[in-house]
Amino acid sequence: MDVEARLDAVYAPSEDIVARSIEGELIIVPLVAGIGDFEDELYSLNETGKAVWDRLDGKKSLKEVLAELSAEFDAPAGEIEKDLIGLVEELLRRRILVAVG
């Protein structure tokens, strides 16, 4: 499934998953078949991925999330944008994230 994340779009976690923070990692558990990776039942995000996840609240646009991440992390804005878009597109493909509105 080809998915393209847009900076003007708003994204939120799917209602078909449960996410919990365990020892600095975010663990995502699908509640229905077909969510996530067919080979893995759990999906995890490291500390940086969790910083992105925590901002995908269904209220902020991806552009707003990018601005917050750029202010927080010491990395070139282009690199942060590329990583953000890549992660969001992966989570959309796996139906862990959904577009809002």
Protein backbone atom coordinates (compact mmCIF):
# COMPACT_ATOMS: atom_id res chain seq x y z
CA MET A 1 0.00 0.00 0.00
CA ASP A 2 1.51 3.30 -1.12
CA VAL A 3 1.03 6.04 1.45
CA GLU A 4 2.31 9.60 1.37
CA ALA A 5 2.45 11.67 4.54
CA ARG A 6 1.61 15.36 4.12
CA LEU A 7 2.92 18.16 6.32
CA ASP A 8 -0.49 19.87 6.38
CA ALA A 9 -2.26 16.68 7.54
CA VAL A 10 -3.11 15.69 11.10
CA TYR A 11 -2.44 12.13 12.28
CA ALA A 12 -3.38 10.13 15.37
CA PRO A 13 -2.89 6.59 16.68
CA SER A 14 -5.35 4.04 15.33
CA GLU A 15 -8.10 2.91 17.68
CA ASP A 16 -7.06 -0.65 16.77
CA ILE A 17 -3.81 -0.54 18.77
CA VAL A 18 -2.66 -0.16 22.36
CA ALA A 19 0.60 1.65 23.11
CA ARG A 20 2.56 1.46 26.36
CA SER A 21 5.90 2.89 27.43
CA ILE A 22 8.20 0.24 28.90
CA GLU A 23 11.76 1.04 29.98
CA GLY A 24 12.16 3.97 27.59
CA GLU A 25 10.65 2.20 24.59
CA LEU A 26 7.14 2.54 23.25
CA ILE A 27 5.53 -0.84 22.62
CA ILE A 28 2.57 -0.92 20.21
CA VAL A 29 0.25 -3.91 20.27
CA PRO A 30 -2.37 -4.46 17.55
CA LEU A 31 -5.87 -5.32 18.79
CA VAL A 32 -7.15 -6.63 15.45
CA ALA A 33 -5.68 -8.81 12.71
CA GLY A 34 -3.94 -7.04 9.86
CA ILE A 35 -2.46 -4.21 11.92
CA GLY A 36 1.30 -3.80 12.10
CA ASP A 37 3.68 -6.29 10.58
CA PHE A 38 2.39 -9.73 9.71
CA GLU A 39 5.63 -11.26 11.01
CA ASP A 40 5.70 -9.40 14.32
CA GLU A 41 2.87 -9.02 16.78
CA LEU A 42 4.53 -6.10 18.59
CA TYR A 43 5.99 -2.92 17.20
CA SER A 44 8.41 -0.78 19.20
CA LEU A 45 9.71 2.75 18.95
CA ASN A 46 12.92 4.01 20.55
CA GLU A 47 13.16 7.26 22.50
CA THR A 48 13.27 9.40 19.35
CA GLY A 49 10.33 7.54 17.80
CA LYS A 50 8.44 7.99 21.07
CA ALA A 51 9.07 11.76 20.92
CA VAL A 52 7.37 11.76 17.51
CA TRP A 53 4.55 9.45 18.66
CA ASP A 54 3.76 11.62 21.68
CA ARG A 55 3.13 14.58 19.35
CA LEU A 56 0.84 12.71 16.94
CA ASP A 57 -2.22 13.53 19.00
CA GLY A 58 -4.84 14.14 16.31
CA LYS A 59 -4.67 17.90 16.89
CA LYS A 60 -1.34 19.10 15.50
CA SER A 61 -0.42 19.08 11.82
CA LEU A 62 2.75 17.28 10.83
CA LYS A 63 4.22 20.72 10.12
CA GLU A 64 3.61 21.71 13.77
CA VAL A 65 5.14 18.44 14.95
CA LEU A 66 8.17 19.12 12.75
CA ALA A 67 8.59 22.60 14.26
CA GLU A 68 8.48 21.17 17.80
CA LEU A 69 10.99 18.44 16.97
CA SER A 70 13.32 20.94 15.26
CA ALA A 71 13.27 23.09 18.41
CA GLU A 72 13.97 20.09 20.65
CA PHE A 73 16.61 18.15 18.71
CA ASP A 74 19.98 19.38 17.50
CA ALA A 75 19.88 18.16 13.91
CA PRO A 76 19.43 19.78 10.50
CA ALA A 77 15.75 20.58 9.82
CA GLY A 78 15.87 18.69 6.51
CA GLU A 79 17.08 15.55 8.26
CA ILE A 80 14.38 15.79 10.93
CA GLU A 81 11.71 16.28 8.23
CA LYS A 82 12.96 13.28 6.24
CA ASP A 83 12.99 11.05 9.33
CA LEU A 84 9.57 12.30 10.48
CA ILE A 85 7.95 11.71 7.09
CA GLY A 86 9.58 8.27 6.84
CA LEU A 87 8.33 7.16 10.25
CA VAL A 88 4.82 8.52 9.71
CA GLU A 89 4.55 6.82 6.30
CA GLU A 90 5.69 3.51 7.80
CA LEU A 91 3.15 3.77 10.62
CA LEU A 92 0.42 4.69 8.13
CA ARG A 93 1.27 1.69 5.93
CA ARG A 94 1.03 -0.56 8.96
CA ARG A 95 -2.27 1.12 9.96
CA ILE A 96 -0.83 2.06 13.35
CA LEU A 97 -1.51 5.74 12.55
CA VAL A 98 -4.54 7.19 10.79
CA ALA A 99 -5.23 10.54 9.17
CA VAL A 100 -7.68 12.69 11.12
CA GLY A 101 -10.31 14.83 9.43
